[in-house]
Amino acid sequence: MSPNGSERYDIVVIGGGAVGLAAACAAVGRGKSVVVLEQFDLLHNRGSSGGDERQWRMQYSEEDLARLTVDSVGLWKDLEDRGGRRLVHRTGSLWFGDTTTSTNEGQVTGAAEVLDRVGLPYRWLSAKQIEQEYHFARLPGTYEGFFQPDGGMVDVRGTLWLLLELAQAGGARVRTGERVRELITGLGPIEIVSETARYLADYVVVAAGAFANDLLAPLGIALELKLFEMTTAYFETTDHGFDYPTWFAFQAPTEQDSNLFYGFGRRPWAPGNLAKVGPDFELKELHSPALANGTVDQYQLDRTVGWVGEHLPGLDPHPVGASSCLIALPRDHERQFYVGPVPGHERIVVYSSGWGFKFVPLLGRACVQLLLDGKTEYNISRSYL
């Protein structure tokens, strides 16, 4: 405790989601005192670490991102070994559709070319092969794609619990219900002011997702974020002898939406025969994360149900549950996410937004390396602030 009543730590992490907890693990692993401040409860569904599963894929249309995924493999394996549980389940990844359509997820032919350059295996498929081998139906005959066997899904809740357990075992403290209002910088320690307490730290990691700009604006930076809520639904599998890989359907947009859909097979870590399907629509942009209300969007749900009924005969088209989650993405999709020191305030490092769950242990480690070493071994330059 400092003389003015503030608690003193080497590193304060703001945000108790996956990247925040991964940064805490990396920091205690280097002998630092750490506190994690989370404005909500742990494992809440109001931010980027909500839900139960994420797609794990090796393919990207950008070679540096594919290689970054390869760099992440060993870190996930180390995390699994430390926790004694499987987190990444390699059920395969299927990309197909209009192979020339460019989307926020990339492009099918471009991703296949990158897989060739990186040296990762895949099998090219026609529309008929996709229908026959992977239980799709009524696909346009011009559709093609590939199956990459190393893809699959990540157990989100298992990852969060394990990161929390390891961070606390290393000495990190975790405070929930702690909404940080201000960061005060100067020549001495950084002062972190929450609604209930004050903290002093040599370094700060801001891993607050969609809420990051509230803290960064007074420091002279505003991340260009696009916020919206995405609806997803679970469907009962009709053939329990078959399981879908994770998949993404690339299609030309309609006048109303992007016409992109993705899905999973059954969760290997959970009982039951439910598979998740969702639209990748960026609709009804929110001007503040506080406006997200978790309400299922009927249009997105109807479009998803229609796509399942038309193309997924292995699923009962009547959803057994639907939910909505807050999504924060860089307005420039080429970035993928934001990460790096705050210009002029290099003792503060930010991670925010993007489809980054597959990189969680790498991003946590990179944030700490940037703070303590002034550089990171990983090529994340496309996403620097």
Protein backbone atom coordinates (compact mmCIF):
# COMPACT_ATOMS: atom_id res chain seq x y z
CA MET A 1 0.00 0.00 0.00
CA SER A 2 1.42 3.41 -0.96
CA PRO A 3 1.39 6.36 1.47
CA ASN A 4 -1.71 7.93 -0.13
CA GLY A 5 -3.72 4.74 0.26
CA SER A 6 -3.31 3.52 -3.32
CA GLU A 7 -2.42 -0.11 -3.92
CA ARG A 8 0.92 -0.52 -5.70
CA TYR A 9 1.63 -3.10 -8.42
CA ASP A 10 4.17 -3.63 -11.16
CA ILE A 11 1.41 -4.11 -13.75
CA VAL A 12 -2.31 -3.31 -13.71
CA VAL A 13 -4.39 -5.14 -16.31
CA ILE A 14 -7.69 -3.50 -17.20
CA GLY A 15 -10.12 -6.10 -18.50
CA GLY A 16 -10.61 -9.65 -17.26
CA GLY A 17 -11.35 -11.28 -20.60
CA ALA A 18 -9.13 -13.77 -22.36
CA VAL A 19 -6.33 -11.42 -23.45
CA GLY A 20 -6.31 -9.59 -20.11
CA LEU A 21 -5.98 -12.86 -18.19
CA ALA A 22 -3.34 -14.12 -20.64
CA ALA A 23 -1.35 -10.93 -20.06
CA ALA A 24 -1.65 -11.45 -16.30
CA CYS A 25 -0.32 -15.01 -16.70
CA ALA A 26 2.61 -13.78 -18.77
CA ALA A 27 3.39 -11.02 -16.27
CA VAL A 28 3.39 -13.22 -13.16
CA GLY A 29 5.52 -15.67 -15.12
CA ARG A 30 8.15 -12.95 -15.25
CA GLY A 31 7.95 -12.31 -11.53
CA LYS A 32 5.79 -9.19 -11.61
CA SER A 33 3.08 -8.21 -9.14
CA VAL A 34 -0.23 -7.93 -10.99
CA VAL A 35 -3.84 -6.96 -10.40
CA VAL A 36 -6.62 -7.50 -12.96
CA LEU A 37 -9.52 -5.03 -12.85
CA GLU A 38 -12.78 -6.18 -14.46
CA GLN A 39 -15.80 -3.88 -14.53
CA PHE A 40 -18.30 -6.76 -14.69
CA ASP A 41 -18.22 -10.29 -13.28
CA LEU A 42 -15.76 -12.81 -14.67
CA LEU A 43 -16.95 -14.94 -17.63
CA HIS A 44 -19.65 -12.44 -18.52
CA ASN A 45 -21.15 -12.26 -22.02
CA ARG A 46 -21.01 -8.50 -22.49
CA GLY A 47 -17.69 -8.38 -24.30
CA SER A 48 -15.35 -10.05 -26.77
CA SER A 49 -14.75 -13.16 -24.63
CA GLY A 50 -18.42 -14.12 -24.47
CA GLY A 51 -19.88 -17.41 -25.72
CA ASP A 52 -18.69 -20.99 -25.51
CA GLU A 53 -16.68 -21.64 -28.68
CA ARG A 54 -14.51 -19.94 -31.30
CA GLN A 55 -13.30 -21.15 -34.65
CA TRP A 56 -9.69 -22.29 -34.77
CA ARG A 57 -8.20 -22.03 -38.25
CA MET A 58 -4.75 -21.94 -39.78
CA GLN A 59 -5.78 -20.33 -43.07
CA TYR A 60 -5.65 -16.62 -43.77
CA SER A 61 -5.46 -14.65 -47.00
CA GLU A 62 -2.58 -12.76 -45.34
CA GLU A 63 0.64 -14.76 -44.90
CA ASP A 64 1.78 -12.92 -41.76
CA LEU A 65 -1.47 -13.87 -39.99
CA ALA A 66 -1.18 -17.51 -41.04
CA ARG A 67 2.35 -17.57 -39.66
CA LEU A 68 1.15 -15.86 -36.48
CA THR A 69 -1.35 -18.70 -36.05
CA VAL A 70 1.49 -21.20 -36.45
CA ASP A 71 3.38 -19.26 -33.76
CA SER A 72 0.33 -19.62 -31.48
CA VAL A 73 0.20 -23.42 -31.70
CA GLY A 74 3.04 -24.06 -29.27
CA LEU A 75 1.70 -21.51 -26.79
CA TRP A 76 -1.72 -23.20 -26.77
CA LYS A 77 -0.02 -26.58 -26.27
CA ASP A 78 1.96 -25.18 -23.33
CA LEU A 79 -1.24 -23.76 -21.82
CA GLU A 80 -3.00 -27.11 -22.21
CA ASP A 81 -0.08 -28.97 -20.66
CA ARG A 82 -0.01 -26.60 -17.67
CA GLY A 83 -3.74 -27.01 -17.09
CA GLY A 84 -4.05 -30.70 -17.95
CA ARG A 85 -6.99 -30.16 -20.31
CA ARG A 86 -7.66 -29.83 -24.03
CA LEU A 87 -8.60 -26.35 -25.19
CA VAL A 88 -8.11 -26.52 -28.98
CA HIS A 89 -10.10 -29.34 -30.60
CA ARG A 90 -8.97 -30.12 -34.14
CA THR A 91 -12.20 -31.12 -35.87
CA GLY A 92 -11.08 -29.59 -39.18
CA SER A 93 -11.92 -26.34 -40.95
CA LEU A 94 -13.94 -26.10 -44.17
CA TRP A 95 -13.93 -22.94 -46.28
CA PHE A 96 -16.06 -22.85 -49.41
CA GLY A 97 -18.30 -20.75 -51.61
CA ASP A 98 -17.62 -18.14 -54.23
CA THR A 99 -13.84 -18.45 -54.29
CA THR A 100 -13.23 -14.94 -55.65
CA THR A 101 -15.44 -13.06 -53.15
CA SER A 102 -13.37 -10.92 -50.77
CA THR A 103 -14.81 -10.56 -47.27
CA ASN A 104 -13.83 -9.47 -43.77
CA GLU A 105 -12.64 -13.07 -43.30
CA GLY A 106 -10.49 -13.08 -46.43
CA GLN A 107 -10.85 -15.01 -49.70
CA VAL A 108 -10.89 -18.75 -50.38
CA THR A 109 -8.35 -18.86 -53.23
CA GLY A 110 -6.06 -16.36 -51.52
CA ALA A 111 -6.08 -18.42 -48.31
CA ALA A 112 -5.27 -21.61 -50.23
CA GLU A 113 -2.28 -19.88 -51.86
CA VAL A 114 -1.03 -18.82 -48.42
CA LEU A 115 -1.40 -22.39 -47.12
CA ASP A 116 0.80 -23.49 -50.02
CA ARG A 117 3.48 -20.93 -49.14
CA VAL A 118 3.40 -21.74 -45.42
CA GLY A 119 3.44 -25.48 -46.11
CA LEU A 120 0.19 -26.46 -44.42
CA PRO A 121 -1.96 -29.26 -45.88
CA TYR A 122 -5.46 -28.93 -47.32
CA ARG A 123 -7.70 -30.71 -49.80
CA TRP A 124 -9.47 -28.83 -52.60
CA LEU A 125 -13.15 -29.73 -53.05
CA SER A 126 -15.92 -29.19 -55.58
CA ALA A 127 -19.47 -28.25 -54.54
CA LYS A 128 -20.57 -31.85 -55.07
CA GLN A 129 -17.77 -33.19 -52.88
CA ILE A 130 -18.66 -30.71 -50.14
CA GLU A 131 -22.29 -31.86 -50.26
CA GLN A 132 -21.42 -35.56 -50.26
CA GLU A 133 -18.64 -35.54 -47.66
CA TYR A 134 -19.75 -32.79 -45.27
CA HIS A 135 -23.57 -32.93 -45.30
CA PHE A 136 -24.32 -29.71 -47.17
CA ALA A 137 -27.04 -29.46 -49.80
CA ARG A 138 -28.18 -27.38 -52.77
CA LEU A 139 -24.93 -25.45 -53.12
CA PRO A 140 -24.41 -23.56 -56.38
CA GLY A 141 -22.41 -25.73 -58.76
CA THR A 142 -19.75 -23.04 -59.11
CA TYR A 143 -18.88 -23.18 -55.41
CA GLU A 144 -15.53 -24.69 -54.45
CA GLY A 145 -13.36 -24.72 -51.36
CA PHE A 146 -10.94 -26.63 -49.20
CA PHE A 147 -10.76 -28.68 -46.01
CA GLN A 148 -7.83 -27.94 -43.69
CA PRO A 149 -7.42 -30.74 -41.12
CA ASP A 150 -5.64 -28.72 -38.42
CA GLY A 151 -8.60 -26.36 -37.89
CA GLY A 152 -11.36 -26.84 -35.35
CA MET A 153 -12.71 -25.00 -32.33
CA VAL A 154 -11.50 -23.46 -29.08
CA ASP A 155 -13.19 -24.07 -25.72
CA VAL A 156 -13.75 -20.46 -24.62
CA ARG A 157 -14.97 -21.09 -21.08
CA GLY A 158 -12.28 -23.69 -20.43
CA THR A 159 -9.65 -21.23 -21.63
CA LEU A 160 -10.90 -18.43 -19.38
CA TRP A 161 -11.08 -20.65 -16.31
CA LEU A 162 -7.59 -22.01 -16.89
CA LEU A 163 -6.04 -18.58 -17.48
CA LEU A 164 -7.72 -17.29 -14.31
CA GLU A 165 -6.46 -20.27 -12.32
CA LEU A 166 -2.89 -19.91 -13.58
CA ALA A 167 -2.82 -16.13 -13.07
CA GLN A 168 -4.03 -16.43 -9.49
CA ALA A 169 -1.70 -19.35 -8.78
CA GLY A 170 1.16 -17.07 -9.87
CA GLY A 171 0.07 -14.40 -7.41
CA ALA A 172 -2.14 -12.13 -9.52
CA ARG A 173 -5.09 -10.53 -7.80
CA VAL A 174 -8.41 -10.23 -9.64
CA ARG A 175 -10.98 -7.57 -8.74
CA THR A 176 -14.46 -7.65 -10.27
CA GLY A 177 -16.95 -4.80 -10.28
CA GLU A 178 -14.01 -2.40 -10.71
CA ARG A 179 -14.80 0.05 -13.50
CA VAL A 180 -11.73 2.14 -14.26
CA ARG A 181 -12.57 5.78 -14.92
CA GLU A 182 -9.17 7.37 -15.55
CA LEU A 183 -5.49 6.79 -16.21
CA ILE A 184 -3.21 9.55 -14.90
CA THR A 185 0.27 9.55 -16.38
CA GLY A 186 3.38 11.52 -15.53
CA LEU A 187 7.01 11.02 -14.66
CA GLY A 188 6.24 8.66 -11.78
CA PRO A 189 3.98 5.63 -11.51
CA ILE A 190 0.77 5.55 -13.53
CA GLU A 191 -2.31 6.21 -11.39
CA ILE A 192 -5.35 4.05 -12.18
CA VAL A 193 -8.58 5.46 -10.78
CA SER A 194 -11.58 3.18 -10.52
CA GLU A 195 -15.02 3.97 -9.13
CA THR A 196 -14.02 2.52 -5.76
CA ALA A 197 -10.21 2.62 -5.46
CA ARG A 198 -6.90 3.96 -6.70
CA TYR A 199 -3.92 1.94 -7.90
CA LEU A 200 -0.34 2.80 -8.81
CA ALA A 201 1.61 0.82 -11.40
CA ASP A 202 4.78 0.96 -13.45
CA TYR A 203 2.88 -0.43 -16.45
CA VAL A 204 -0.71 -0.86 -17.62
CA VAL A 205 -2.34 -3.28 -20.07
CA VAL A 206 -5.68 -2.02 -21.41
CA ALA A 207 -7.53 -5.11 -22.63
CA ALA A 208 -11.01 -3.64 -22.35
CA GLY A 209 -12.28 -4.49 -25.83
CA ALA A 210 -15.13 -2.29 -27.00
CA PHE A 211 -14.78 -0.17 -23.83
CA ALA A 212 -11.14 0.80 -24.45
CA ASN A 213 -11.84 4.20 -26.00
CA ASP A 214 -13.34 5.56 -22.79
CA LEU A 215 -9.89 5.27 -21.21
CA LEU A 216 -7.81 6.15 -24.24
CA ALA A 217 -9.57 9.36 -25.32
CA PRO A 218 -7.99 11.51 -22.56
CA LEU A 219 -4.59 10.17 -23.69
CA GLY A 220 -5.19 11.56 -27.16
CA ILE A 221 -6.03 8.36 -29.02
CA ALA A 222 -9.28 6.96 -30.37
CA LEU A 223 -9.42 3.47 -31.89
CA GLU A 224 -11.53 3.33 -35.05
CA LEU A 225 -13.96 0.63 -33.94
CA LYS A 226 -17.12 -0.74 -35.46
CA LEU A 227 -19.54 -2.05 -32.81
CA PHE A 228 -22.57 -4.22 -33.43
CA GLU A 229 -24.42 -7.20 -31.98
CA MET A 230 -24.27 -10.57 -33.71
CA THR A 231 -26.99 -13.20 -33.33
CA THR A 232 -26.19 -16.92 -33.31
CA ALA A 233 -28.29 -20.04 -32.73
CA TYR A 234 -27.92 -23.70 -31.78
CA PHE A 235 -29.53 -26.49 -33.81
CA GLU A 236 -30.00 -30.17 -33.01
CA THR A 237 -28.00 -32.57 -35.19
CA THR A 238 -30.15 -35.16 -36.97
CA ASP A 239 -27.39 -37.70 -37.67
CA HIS A 240 -25.45 -38.40 -34.52
CA GLY A 241 -23.01 -40.58 -36.46
CA PHE A 242 -21.71 -37.54 -38.33
CA ASP A 243 -20.24 -34.30 -37.05
CA TYR A 244 -19.61 -31.08 -38.95
CA PRO A 245 -16.19 -29.46 -38.98
CA THR A 246 -16.05 -25.74 -38.37
CA TRP A 247 -16.98 -24.01 -41.61
CA PHE A 248 -17.37 -20.65 -43.31
CA ALA A 249 -19.47 -20.00 -46.43
CA PHE A 250 -18.19 -17.21 -48.69
CA GLN A 251 -20.98 -15.74 -50.78
CA ALA A 252 -21.62 -12.60 -52.78
CA PRO A 253 -23.51 -10.00 -50.71
CA THR A 254 -27.19 -9.27 -51.10
CA GLU A 255 -28.69 -5.78 -51.02
CA GLN A 256 -29.59 -6.32 -47.35
CA ASP A 257 -26.51 -8.01 -45.85
CA SER A 258 -23.11 -9.61 -46.43
CA ASN A 259 -24.66 -13.08 -47.00
CA LEU A 260 -21.87 -14.75 -45.01
CA PHE A 261 -22.53 -17.67 -42.67
CA TYR A 262 -20.37 -19.84 -40.44
CA GLY A 263 -20.84 -22.76 -38.07
CA PHE A 264 -19.47 -25.47 -35.84
CA GLY A 265 -19.98 -29.12 -35.14
CA ARG A 266 -20.86 -30.43 -31.70
CA ARG A 267 -18.74 -29.18 -28.81
CA PRO A 268 -16.31 -32.02 -27.89
CA TRP A 269 -16.09 -30.82 -24.29
CA ALA A 270 -19.84 -30.73 -23.64
CA PRO A 271 -22.65 -33.31 -23.71
CA GLY A 272 -25.50 -33.08 -26.20
CA ASN A 273 -25.92 -32.89 -29.95
CA LEU A 274 -26.12 -29.17 -30.62
CA ALA A 275 -24.27 -27.31 -33.36
CA LYS A 276 -23.91 -23.54 -33.56
CA VAL A 277 -24.58 -21.51 -36.72
CA GLY A 278 -24.51 -17.76 -37.21
CA PRO A 279 -24.47 -15.00 -39.81
CA ASP A 280 -21.42 -12.79 -40.20
CA PHE A 281 -23.46 -9.62 -40.68
CA GLU A 282 -22.22 -6.19 -39.59
CA LEU A 283 -25.64 -4.58 -39.18
CA LYS A 284 -27.12 -1.85 -36.95
CA GLU A 285 -23.90 -0.22 -35.86
CA LEU A 286 -23.79 0.89 -32.23
CA HIS A 287 -22.27 4.22 -31.25
CA SER A 288 -21.38 2.99 -27.75
CA PRO A 289 -20.88 -0.44 -26.13
CA ALA A 290 -23.36 0.67 -23.47
CA LEU A 291 -26.12 0.44 -26.10
CA ALA A 292 -25.71 -3.33 -26.51
CA ASN A 293 -28.70 -5.02 -24.88
CA GLY A 294 -28.18 -8.69 -25.76
CA THR A 295 -31.45 -8.90 -27.68
CA VAL A 296 -31.66 -11.49 -30.46
CA ASP A 297 -32.10 -9.77 -33.83
CA GLN A 298 -35.04 -11.41 -35.58
CA TYR A 299 -33.78 -10.64 -39.07
CA GLN A 300 -30.41 -12.29 -38.42
CA LEU A 301 -32.11 -15.28 -36.79
CA ASP A 302 -34.57 -15.71 -39.68
CA ARG A 303 -31.75 -15.55 -42.23
CA THR A 304 -29.77 -18.14 -40.28
CA VAL A 305 -32.76 -20.49 -39.97
CA GLY A 306 -33.40 -20.13 -43.69
CA TRP A 307 -29.79 -20.94 -44.57
CA VAL A 308 -29.77 -23.99 -42.29
CA GLY A 309 -33.00 -25.26 -43.81
CA GLU A 310 -31.68 -24.80 -47.34
CA HIS A 311 -28.12 -26.06 -47.01
CA LEU A 312 -27.60 -28.09 -43.80
CA PRO A 313 -29.65 -31.32 -43.90
CA GLY A 314 -27.66 -32.64 -40.94
CA LEU A 315 -29.36 -30.12 -38.65
CA ASP A 316 -32.97 -29.72 -37.54
CA PRO A 317 -33.81 -26.22 -38.88
CA HIS A 318 -35.77 -25.29 -35.76
CA PRO A 319 -33.33 -23.54 -33.36
CA VAL A 320 -33.28 -24.71 -29.76
CA GLY A 321 -31.72 -21.49 -28.52
CA ALA A 322 -30.43 -18.17 -29.80
CA SER A 323 -28.32 -15.41 -28.30
CA SER A 324 -26.66 -12.13 -29.17
CA CYS A 325 -23.17 -10.86 -28.34
CA LEU A 326 -21.31 -7.57 -28.65
CA ILE A 327 -18.73 -7.51 -31.44
CA ALA A 328 -15.97 -4.91 -31.77
CA LEU A 329 -13.93 -4.85 -34.98
CA PRO A 330 -11.43 -2.39 -36.43
CA ARG A 331 -13.12 -0.26 -39.05
CA ASP A 332 -10.18 -1.19 -41.26
CA HIS A 333 -10.51 -4.98 -41.57
CA GLU A 334 -6.93 -5.27 -42.81
CA ARG A 335 -5.76 -4.52 -39.27
CA GLN A 336 -7.49 -7.61 -37.78
CA PHE A 337 -7.15 -6.08 -34.29
CA TYR A 338 -5.41 -3.27 -32.40
CA VAL A 339 -2.33 -3.92 -30.28
CA GLY A 340 0.64 -1.86 -29.18
CA PRO A 341 1.91 0.92 -26.93
CA VAL A 342 -0.12 4.13 -26.70
CA PRO A 343 1.82 6.80 -28.61
CA GLY A 344 3.40 9.17 -26.10
CA HIS A 345 2.52 6.80 -23.25
CA GLU A 346 4.69 3.75 -23.96
CA ARG A 347 4.18 2.30 -20.46
CA ILE A 348 0.55 1.62 -21.47
CA VAL A 349 -0.12 -1.17 -23.99
CA VAL A 350 -3.52 -1.76 -25.57
CA TYR A 351 -5.21 -4.79 -27.07
CA SER A 352 -8.69 -4.27 -28.49
CA SER A 353 -11.21 -5.69 -30.95
CA GLY A 354 -10.99 -8.13 -33.84
CA TRP A 355 -11.29 -11.89 -34.23
CA GLY A 356 -8.35 -12.56 -31.93
CA PHE A 357 -9.28 -15.52 -29.73
CA LYS A 358 -7.04 -17.96 -31.61
CA PHE A 359 -4.09 -15.73 -30.67
CA VAL A 360 -4.97 -15.30 -26.96
CA PRO A 361 -1.82 -16.73 -25.31
CA LEU A 362 0.38 -15.02 -27.92
CA LEU A 363 -1.33 -11.64 -27.51
CA GLY A 364 -1.06 -11.76 -23.71
CA ARG A 365 2.63 -12.56 -23.97
CA ALA A 366 3.21 -9.90 -26.65
CA CYS A 367 1.58 -7.20 -24.51
CA VAL A 368 3.91 -7.97 -21.61
CA GLN A 369 6.96 -8.14 -23.88
CA LEU A 370 6.11 -4.73 -25.34
CA LEU A 371 5.91 -3.27 -21.84
CA LEU A 372 8.95 -4.89 -20.26
CA ASP A 373 11.25 -5.31 -23.27
CA GLY A 374 10.08 -2.55 -25.59
CA LYS A 375 9.54 -5.09 -28.38
CA THR A 376 7.96 -8.47 -29.07
CA GLU A 377 9.19 -11.53 -30.91
CA TYR A 378 5.89 -11.81 -32.81
CA ASN A 379 5.03 -10.08 -36.08
CA ILE A 380 1.97 -8.05 -35.09
CA SER A 381 3.03 -4.93 -36.96
CA ARG A 382 -0.12 -4.75 -39.12
CA SER A 383 -2.17 -4.19 -35.97
CA TYR A 384 -0.02 -1.61 -34.17
CA LEU A 385 -1.77 1.53 -32.94
